[in-house]
Amino acid sequence: MNRKNKIITFLFCLVFAAGLYLYFGFYNRSYETIDNVATDISISSRKLTSTYMLNEKNANSIYRGKVIEVDGIVKEVSFLNNRNTVLLHGNDKYSSVICDMQSDQIEEVKKLKAGQKIRIKGICKGFLKDAILLNCMLINTQINE
């Protein structure tokens, strides 16, 4: 390999590595804990699922990857496969917001009951029949209307 090809190969690898760094550092941001991360959007669980059902592409451009606070009514609490999951009622009886809770939230999650009004903060990852939030934490378990 001559010197020119080595330089081109090196520059290509450098640009590729920088692209990976930017992707994993910024675009695909995830947080171990979101306690100190500012909320981008506050919304109700019904409005969130309704927006996704009307136009998923548009909703993804608004919510995906953002830290959002969601107010809603607990539909179900699950502890399957060492995951703490809270489901909030969505726009209709078939839709929900799936909130995958941080592991340090287990004691708070155990106290939740179906029908309880709560506020959860998490990172929106998209929609697969239900809106999905990851790295969630309870903000408030006594929401007033």
N, C-alpha and C. Protein backbone atom coordinates (compact mmCIF):
# COMPACT_ATOMS: atom_id res chain seq x y z
N MET A 1 0.84 -1.17 0.00
CA MET A 1 0.00 0.00 0.00
C MET A 1 0.89 1.24 0.00
N ASN A 2 0.60 2.12 -0.91
CA ASN A 2 1.43 3.32 -0.94
C ASN A 2 0.96 4.32 0.12
N ARG A 3 1.74 5.36 0.28
CA ARG A 3 1.50 6.34 1.34
C ARG A 3 0.14 7.03 1.20
N LYS A 4 -0.27 7.35 -0.02
CA LYS A 4 -1.54 8.04 -0.26
C LYS A 4 -2.71 7.18 0.21
N ASN A 5 -2.69 5.90 -0.11
CA ASN A 5 -3.75 4.99 0.31
C ASN A 5 -3.80 4.84 1.83
N LYS A 6 -2.64 4.82 2.48
CA LYS A 6 -2.60 4.73 3.94
C LYS A 6 -3.24 5.95 4.58
N ILE A 7 -2.96 7.12 4.04
CA ILE A 7 -3.53 8.36 4.58
C ILE A 7 -5.05 8.37 4.39
N ILE A 8 -5.51 7.97 3.22
CA ILE A 8 -6.96 7.93 2.96
C ILE A 8 -7.64 6.93 3.89
N THR A 9 -7.04 5.76 4.07
CA THR A 9 -7.60 4.75 4.97
C THR A 9 -7.65 5.27 6.41
N PHE A 10 -6.56 5.91 6.84
CA PHE A 10 -6.52 6.47 8.19
C PHE A 10 -7.60 7.53 8.39
N LEU A 11 -7.76 8.43 7.43
CA LEU A 11 -8.77 9.49 7.53
C LEU A 11 -10.18 8.90 7.55
N PHE A 12 -10.42 7.89 6.73
CA PHE A 12 -11.72 7.23 6.72
C PHE A 12 -12.03 6.62 8.09
N CYS A 13 -11.06 5.92 8.66
CA CYS A 13 -11.25 5.31 9.99
C CYS A 13 -11.49 6.38 11.05
N LEU A 14 -10.79 7.50 10.95
CA LEU A 14 -10.95 8.59 11.90
C LEU A 14 -12.36 9.19 11.83
N VAL A 15 -12.85 9.42 10.61
CA VAL A 15 -14.20 9.96 10.43
C VAL A 15 -15.24 8.95 10.92
N PHE A 16 -15.04 7.69 10.64
CA PHE A 16 -15.95 6.64 11.09
C PHE A 16 -16.00 6.58 12.62
N ALA A 17 -14.84 6.63 13.26
CA ALA A 17 -14.78 6.60 14.73
C ALA A 17 -15.46 7.83 15.33
N ALA A 18 -15.27 8.99 14.72
CA ALA A 18 -15.93 10.21 15.20
C ALA A 18 -17.44 10.09 15.06
N GLY A 19 -17.90 9.51 13.97
CA GLY A 19 -19.34 9.29 13.77
C GLY A 19 -19.92 8.38 14.83
N LEU A 20 -19.24 7.30 15.14
CA LEU A 20 -19.70 6.39 16.19
C LEU A 20 -19.75 7.09 17.54
N TYR A 21 -18.73 7.89 17.82
CA TYR A 21 -18.69 8.63 19.09
C TYR A 21 -19.89 9.58 19.19
N LEU A 22 -20.17 10.30 18.13
CA LEU A 22 -21.30 11.23 18.14
C LEU A 22 -22.63 10.49 18.27
N TYR A 23 -22.77 9.38 17.57
CA TYR A 23 -24.01 8.62 17.63
C TYR A 23 -24.28 8.12 19.05
N PHE A 24 -23.30 7.45 19.64
CA PHE A 24 -23.50 6.89 20.97
C PHE A 24 -23.45 7.94 22.07
N GLY A 25 -22.81 9.05 21.82
CA GLY A 25 -22.70 10.09 22.83
C GLY A 25 -23.86 11.05 22.86
N PHE A 26 -24.48 11.30 21.72
CA PHE A 26 -25.52 12.32 21.67
C PHE A 26 -26.86 11.79 21.18
N TYR A 27 -26.89 11.22 19.99
CA TYR A 27 -28.16 10.78 19.41
C TYR A 27 -28.80 9.68 20.23
N ASN A 28 -28.05 8.69 20.56
CA ASN A 28 -28.56 7.53 21.29
C ASN A 28 -28.34 7.69 22.79
N ARG A 29 -28.65 8.89 23.30
CA ARG A 29 -28.38 9.15 24.70
C ARG A 29 -29.27 8.29 25.60
N SER A 30 -28.66 7.71 26.58
CA SER A 30 -29.41 7.01 27.61
C SER A 30 -28.75 7.36 28.93
N TYR A 31 -29.49 7.25 29.97
CA TYR A 31 -29.02 7.70 31.26
C TYR A 31 -29.16 6.57 32.26
N GLU A 32 -28.17 6.45 33.12
CA GLU A 32 -28.29 5.48 34.18
C GLU A 32 -29.37 5.93 35.15
N THR A 33 -29.41 7.21 35.43
CA THR A 33 -30.46 7.80 36.24
C THR A 33 -30.79 9.16 35.65
N ILE A 34 -32.05 9.52 35.69
CA ILE A 34 -32.45 10.79 35.08
C ILE A 34 -32.87 11.82 36.12
N ASP A 35 -32.47 11.59 37.36
CA ASP A 35 -32.81 12.52 38.45
C ASP A 35 -32.50 13.96 38.09
N ASN A 36 -31.32 14.21 37.60
CA ASN A 36 -30.85 15.58 37.37
C ASN A 36 -30.93 16.02 35.92
N VAL A 37 -31.65 15.28 35.11
CA VAL A 37 -31.79 15.63 33.70
C VAL A 37 -33.07 16.45 33.53
N ALA A 38 -32.96 17.57 32.82
CA ALA A 38 -34.11 18.45 32.62
C ALA A 38 -35.18 17.77 31.77
N THR A 39 -36.42 18.03 32.10
CA THR A 39 -37.55 17.50 31.34
C THR A 39 -37.73 18.32 30.07
N ASP A 40 -37.85 17.64 28.94
CA ASP A 40 -38.08 18.33 27.66
C ASP A 40 -39.56 18.64 27.45
N ILE A 41 -40.43 17.69 27.82
CA ILE A 41 -41.87 17.81 27.53
C ILE A 41 -42.67 17.19 28.67
N SER A 42 -43.79 17.82 29.03
CA SER A 42 -44.75 17.24 29.97
C SER A 42 -46.05 16.98 29.22
N ILE A 43 -46.65 15.80 29.44
CA ILE A 43 -47.83 15.42 28.67
C ILE A 43 -48.63 14.37 29.45
N SER A 44 -49.89 14.21 29.12
CA SER A 44 -50.70 13.14 29.74
C SER A 44 -50.50 11.84 28.95
N SER A 45 -50.73 10.72 29.60
CA SER A 45 -50.58 9.42 28.94
C SER A 45 -51.58 9.28 27.79
N ARG A 46 -52.78 9.80 27.97
CA ARG A 46 -53.80 9.72 26.91
C ARG A 46 -53.38 10.54 25.69
N LYS A 47 -52.87 11.73 25.92
CA LYS A 47 -52.44 12.60 24.81
C LYS A 47 -51.24 11.98 24.09
N LEU A 48 -50.30 11.39 24.84
CA LEU A 48 -49.12 10.77 24.24
C LEU A 48 -49.51 9.63 23.31
N THR A 49 -50.36 8.71 23.80
CA THR A 49 -50.76 7.58 22.95
C THR A 49 -51.62 8.05 21.78
N SER A 50 -52.46 9.04 22.01
CA SER A 50 -53.30 9.58 20.94
C SER A 50 -52.45 10.18 19.82
N THR A 51 -51.42 10.94 20.21
CA THR A 51 -50.53 11.56 19.22
C THR A 51 -49.82 10.49 18.40
N TYR A 52 -49.35 9.43 19.06
CA TYR A 52 -48.68 8.34 18.34
C TYR A 52 -49.65 7.61 17.42
N MET A 53 -50.88 7.39 17.85
CA MET A 53 -51.84 6.67 17.03
C MET A 53 -52.27 7.48 15.80
N LEU A 54 -52.31 8.78 15.92
CA LEU A 54 -52.69 9.63 14.79
C LEU A 54 -51.61 9.71 13.73
N ASN A 55 -50.34 9.86 14.17
CA ASN A 55 -49.24 10.00 13.22
C ASN A 55 -47.93 9.63 13.92
N GLU A 56 -47.54 8.37 13.81
CA GLU A 56 -46.37 7.86 14.51
C GLU A 56 -45.09 8.58 14.10
N LYS A 57 -44.94 8.85 12.82
CA LYS A 57 -43.72 9.51 12.33
C LYS A 57 -43.59 10.90 12.94
N ASN A 58 -44.67 11.66 12.93
CA ASN A 58 -44.66 13.00 13.51
C ASN A 58 -44.41 12.94 15.02
N ALA A 59 -45.07 12.00 15.69
CA ALA A 59 -44.89 11.85 17.14
C ALA A 59 -43.45 11.49 17.48
N ASN A 60 -42.83 10.62 16.70
CA ASN A 60 -41.42 10.28 16.93
C ASN A 60 -40.53 11.51 16.82
N SER A 61 -40.83 12.38 15.86
CA SER A 61 -40.01 13.58 15.71
C SER A 61 -40.16 14.52 16.91
N ILE A 62 -41.29 14.45 17.59
CA ILE A 62 -41.53 15.30 18.75
C ILE A 62 -40.99 14.68 20.04
N TYR A 63 -41.24 13.39 20.26
CA TYR A 63 -41.00 12.77 21.56
C TYR A 63 -39.80 11.83 21.65
N ARG A 64 -39.47 11.14 20.57
CA ARG A 64 -38.45 10.10 20.64
C ARG A 64 -37.09 10.65 21.08
N GLY A 65 -36.51 9.99 22.07
CA GLY A 65 -35.20 10.38 22.58
C GLY A 65 -35.25 11.52 23.58
N LYS A 66 -36.44 12.04 23.83
CA LYS A 66 -36.59 13.17 24.74
C LYS A 66 -36.94 12.67 26.15
N VAL A 67 -36.55 13.46 27.14
CA VAL A 67 -36.93 13.18 28.52
C VAL A 67 -38.29 13.82 28.73
N ILE A 68 -39.29 12.98 29.03
CA ILE A 68 -40.65 13.51 29.18
C ILE A 68 -41.24 13.10 30.53
N GLU A 69 -42.13 13.95 31.02
CA GLU A 69 -42.92 13.64 32.21
C GLU A 69 -44.32 13.31 31.74
N VAL A 70 -44.85 12.19 32.21
CA VAL A 70 -46.16 11.73 31.79
C VAL A 70 -47.07 11.59 33.01
N ASP A 71 -48.22 12.26 32.96
CA ASP A 71 -49.26 12.11 33.98
C ASP A 71 -50.23 11.05 33.48
N GLY A 72 -50.60 10.13 34.36
CA GLY A 72 -51.56 9.12 33.94
C GLY A 72 -52.08 8.30 35.10
N ILE A 73 -52.97 7.38 34.76
CA ILE A 73 -53.59 6.49 35.74
C ILE A 73 -52.98 5.10 35.57
N VAL A 74 -52.55 4.52 36.68
CA VAL A 74 -51.91 3.20 36.66
C VAL A 74 -52.92 2.16 36.18
N LYS A 75 -52.52 1.44 35.15
CA LYS A 75 -53.32 0.35 34.60
C LYS A 75 -52.89 -0.97 35.23
N GLU A 76 -51.56 -1.13 35.36
CA GLU A 76 -51.00 -2.39 35.85
C GLU A 76 -49.56 -2.15 36.30
N VAL A 77 -49.11 -2.96 37.27
CA VAL A 77 -47.72 -2.95 37.72
C VAL A 77 -47.19 -4.37 37.57
N SER A 78 -45.99 -4.51 36.98
CA SER A 78 -45.45 -5.83 36.70
C SER A 78 -43.99 -5.92 37.17
N PHE A 79 -43.60 -7.12 37.63
CA PHE A 79 -42.23 -7.35 38.08
C PHE A 79 -41.62 -8.56 37.36
N LEU A 80 -42.04 -8.83 36.13
CA LEU A 80 -41.57 -9.99 35.38
C LEU A 80 -40.11 -9.82 34.94
N ASN A 81 -39.36 -10.93 34.96
CA ASN A 81 -37.99 -10.97 34.46
C ASN A 81 -37.09 -9.90 35.07
N ASN A 82 -37.24 -9.68 36.37
CA ASN A 82 -36.44 -8.68 37.09
C ASN A 82 -36.57 -7.28 36.52
N ARG A 83 -37.68 -6.99 35.87
CA ARG A 83 -37.97 -5.65 35.35
C ARG A 83 -39.14 -5.09 36.13
N ASN A 84 -39.04 -3.83 36.51
CA ASN A 84 -40.13 -3.14 37.20
C ASN A 84 -40.84 -2.30 36.15
N THR A 85 -42.06 -2.66 35.83
CA THR A 85 -42.78 -2.00 34.75
C THR A 85 -44.12 -1.48 35.24
N VAL A 86 -44.41 -0.23 34.89
CA VAL A 86 -45.69 0.37 35.20
C VAL A 86 -46.38 0.68 33.88
N LEU A 87 -47.63 0.24 33.74
CA LEU A 87 -48.43 0.57 32.56
C LEU A 87 -49.43 1.64 32.94
N LEU A 88 -49.47 2.71 32.14
CA LEU A 88 -50.44 3.78 32.34
C LEU A 88 -51.51 3.67 31.27
N HIS A 89 -52.76 3.98 31.62
CA HIS A 89 -53.84 3.96 30.65
C HIS A 89 -53.53 4.91 29.50
N GLY A 90 -53.86 4.47 28.30
CA GLY A 90 -53.68 5.29 27.11
C GLY A 90 -54.97 5.92 26.66
N ASN A 91 -55.03 6.22 25.38
CA ASN A 91 -56.18 6.90 24.78
C ASN A 91 -57.42 6.02 24.73
N ASP A 92 -57.24 4.71 24.60
CA ASP A 92 -58.37 3.78 24.59
C ASP A 92 -57.99 2.54 25.41
N LYS A 93 -58.89 1.57 25.48
CA LYS A 93 -58.62 0.41 26.33
C LYS A 93 -57.51 -0.50 25.81
N TYR A 94 -57.12 -0.32 24.55
CA TYR A 94 -56.08 -1.17 23.96
C TYR A 94 -54.69 -0.53 24.00
N SER A 95 -54.61 0.75 24.34
CA SER A 95 -53.31 1.44 24.32
C SER A 95 -52.84 1.74 25.74
N SER A 96 -51.52 1.82 25.89
CA SER A 96 -50.91 2.10 27.19
C SER A 96 -49.62 2.86 26.97
N VAL A 97 -49.08 3.34 28.07
CA VAL A 97 -47.71 3.83 28.10
C VAL A 97 -46.95 2.85 28.98
N ILE A 98 -45.96 2.17 28.40
CA ILE A 98 -45.15 1.20 29.14
C ILE A 98 -43.96 1.95 29.72
N CYS A 99 -43.86 1.95 31.04
CA CYS A 99 -42.78 2.66 31.73
C CYS A 99 -41.85 1.64 32.38
N ASP A 100 -40.67 1.47 31.81
CA ASP A 100 -39.66 0.57 32.37
C ASP A 100 -38.90 1.36 33.43
N MET A 101 -39.10 1.00 34.68
CA MET A 101 -38.59 1.79 35.80
C MET A 101 -37.12 1.50 36.10
N GLN A 102 -36.42 2.52 36.62
CA GLN A 102 -35.05 2.34 37.08
C GLN A 102 -35.06 1.36 38.25
N SER A 103 -33.97 0.61 38.41
CA SER A 103 -33.93 -0.42 39.45
C SER A 103 -34.01 0.16 40.86
N ASP A 104 -33.60 1.41 41.05
CA ASP A 104 -33.67 2.01 42.39
C ASP A 104 -35.08 2.47 42.76
N GLN A 105 -36.04 2.26 41.88
CA GLN A 105 -37.43 2.68 42.11
C GLN A 105 -38.32 1.54 42.61
N ILE A 106 -37.76 0.36 42.86
CA ILE A 106 -38.58 -0.82 43.15
C ILE A 106 -39.48 -0.64 44.38
N GLU A 107 -38.98 -0.03 45.43
CA GLU A 107 -39.80 0.14 46.64
C GLU A 107 -40.98 1.06 46.37
N GLU A 108 -40.77 2.11 45.59
CA GLU A 108 -41.86 3.02 45.24
C GLU A 108 -42.87 2.34 44.32
N VAL A 109 -42.37 1.54 43.38
CA VAL A 109 -43.24 0.86 42.43
C VAL A 109 -44.13 -0.16 43.15
N LYS A 110 -43.59 -0.83 44.15
CA LYS A 110 -44.37 -1.82 44.91
C LYS A 110 -45.58 -1.20 45.59
N LYS A 111 -45.53 0.08 45.89
CA LYS A 111 -46.62 0.77 46.58
C LYS A 111 -47.75 1.21 45.64
N LEU A 112 -47.50 1.16 44.34
CA LEU A 112 -48.50 1.64 43.38
C LEU A 112 -49.68 0.68 43.26
N LYS A 113 -50.85 1.24 43.02
CA LYS A 113 -52.08 0.46 42.85
C LYS A 113 -52.77 0.86 41.55
N ALA A 114 -53.45 -0.08 40.93
CA ALA A 114 -54.23 0.22 39.73
C ALA A 114 -55.24 1.31 40.06
N GLY A 115 -55.38 2.26 39.15
CA GLY A 115 -56.32 3.36 39.34
C GLY A 115 -55.70 4.60 39.97
N GLN A 116 -54.47 4.47 40.45
CA GLN A 116 -53.79 5.60 41.10
C GLN A 116 -53.27 6.58 40.05
N LYS A 117 -53.41 7.87 40.32
CA LYS A 117 -52.90 8.91 39.42
C LYS A 117 -51.47 9.23 39.81
N ILE A 118 -50.56 9.16 38.81
CA ILE A 118 -49.14 9.39 39.08
C ILE A 118 -48.50 10.21 37.97
N ARG A 119 -47.28 10.66 38.22
CA ARG A 119 -46.45 11.32 37.21
C ARG A 119 -45.12 10.58 37.17
N ILE A 120 -44.71 10.21 35.95
CA ILE A 120 -43.47 9.47 35.74
C ILE A 120 -42.60 10.25 34.76
N LYS A 121 -41.30 10.22 35.01
CA LYS A 121 -40.32 10.86 34.12
C LYS A 121 -39.47 9.77 33.50
N GLY A 122 -39.30 9.82 32.17
CA GLY A 122 -38.50 8.81 31.49
C GLY A 122 -38.11 9.27 30.10
N ILE A 123 -37.38 8.42 29.40
CA ILE A 123 -36.93 8.71 28.04
C ILE A 123 -37.84 7.98 27.07
N CYS A 124 -38.46 8.72 26.18
CA CYS A 124 -39.37 8.13 25.20
C CYS A 124 -38.55 7.42 24.12
N LYS A 125 -38.86 6.16 23.88
CA LYS A 125 -38.14 5.38 22.87
C LYS A 125 -38.97 5.07 21.64
N GLY A 126 -40.25 5.39 21.67
CA GLY A 126 -41.06 5.14 20.48
C GLY A 126 -42.39 4.49 20.80
N PHE A 127 -42.91 3.78 19.79
CA PHE A 127 -44.27 3.26 19.87
C PHE A 127 -44.36 1.92 19.15
N LEU A 128 -44.85 0.90 19.86
CA LEU A 128 -45.14 -0.41 19.29
C LEU A 128 -46.49 -0.85 19.87
N LYS A 129 -47.57 -0.31 19.37
CA LYS A 129 -48.93 -0.45 19.92
C LYS A 129 -49.09 0.28 21.25
N ASP A 130 -48.01 0.50 21.95
CA ASP A 130 -47.98 1.26 23.20
C ASP A 130 -46.78 2.21 23.14
N ALA A 131 -46.90 3.35 23.80
CA ALA A 131 -45.74 4.25 23.91
C ALA A 131 -44.77 3.62 24.91
N ILE A 132 -43.48 3.76 24.67
CA ILE A 132 -42.48 3.11 25.51
C ILE A 132 -41.55 4.16 26.12
N LEU A 133 -41.44 4.13 27.45
CA LEU A 133 -40.52 5.00 28.18
C LEU A 133 -39.52 4.13 28.92
N LEU A 134 -38.24 4.50 28.86
CA LEU A 134 -37.19 3.76 29.55
C LEU A 134 -36.56 4.62 30.64
N ASN A 135 -35.84 3.96 31.56
CA ASN A 135 -35.14 4.62 32.66
C ASN A 135 -36.06 5.53 33.45
N CYS A 136 -37.26 5.06 33.73
CA CYS A 136 -38.28 5.90 34.37
C CYS A 136 -38.10 5.99 35.88
N MET A 137 -38.59 7.10 36.40
CA MET A 137 -38.66 7.29 37.84
C MET A 137 -39.96 7.99 38.19
N LEU A 138 -40.48 7.68 39.37
CA LEU A 138 -41.70 8.33 39.85
C LEU A 138 -41.37 9.75 40.28
N ILE A 139 -42.17 10.69 39.82
CA ILE A 139 -42.01 12.08 40.21
C ILE A 139 -43.01 12.42 41.30
N ASN A 140 -44.24 11.91 41.13
CA ASN A 140 -45.31 12.24 42.06
C ASN A 140 -46.33 11.10 42.03
N THR A 141 -46.74 10.67 43.21
CA THR A 141 -47.75 9.61 43.28
C THR A 141 -49.10 10.13 43.73
N GLN A 142 -49.23 11.43 43.89
CA GLN A 142 -50.49 12.05 44.32
C GLN A 142 -50.83 13.20 43.39
N ILE A 143 -51.28 12.90 42.19
CA ILE A 143 -51.60 13.93 41.21
C ILE A 143 -53.01 14.45 41.45
N ASN A 144 -53.16 15.75 41.51
CA ASN A 144 -54.48 16.38 41.61
C ASN A 144 -54.95 16.78 40.23
N GLU A 145 -56.24 16.65 39.97
CA GLU A 145 -56.76 17.02 38.64
C GLU A 145 -56.99 18.50 38.58
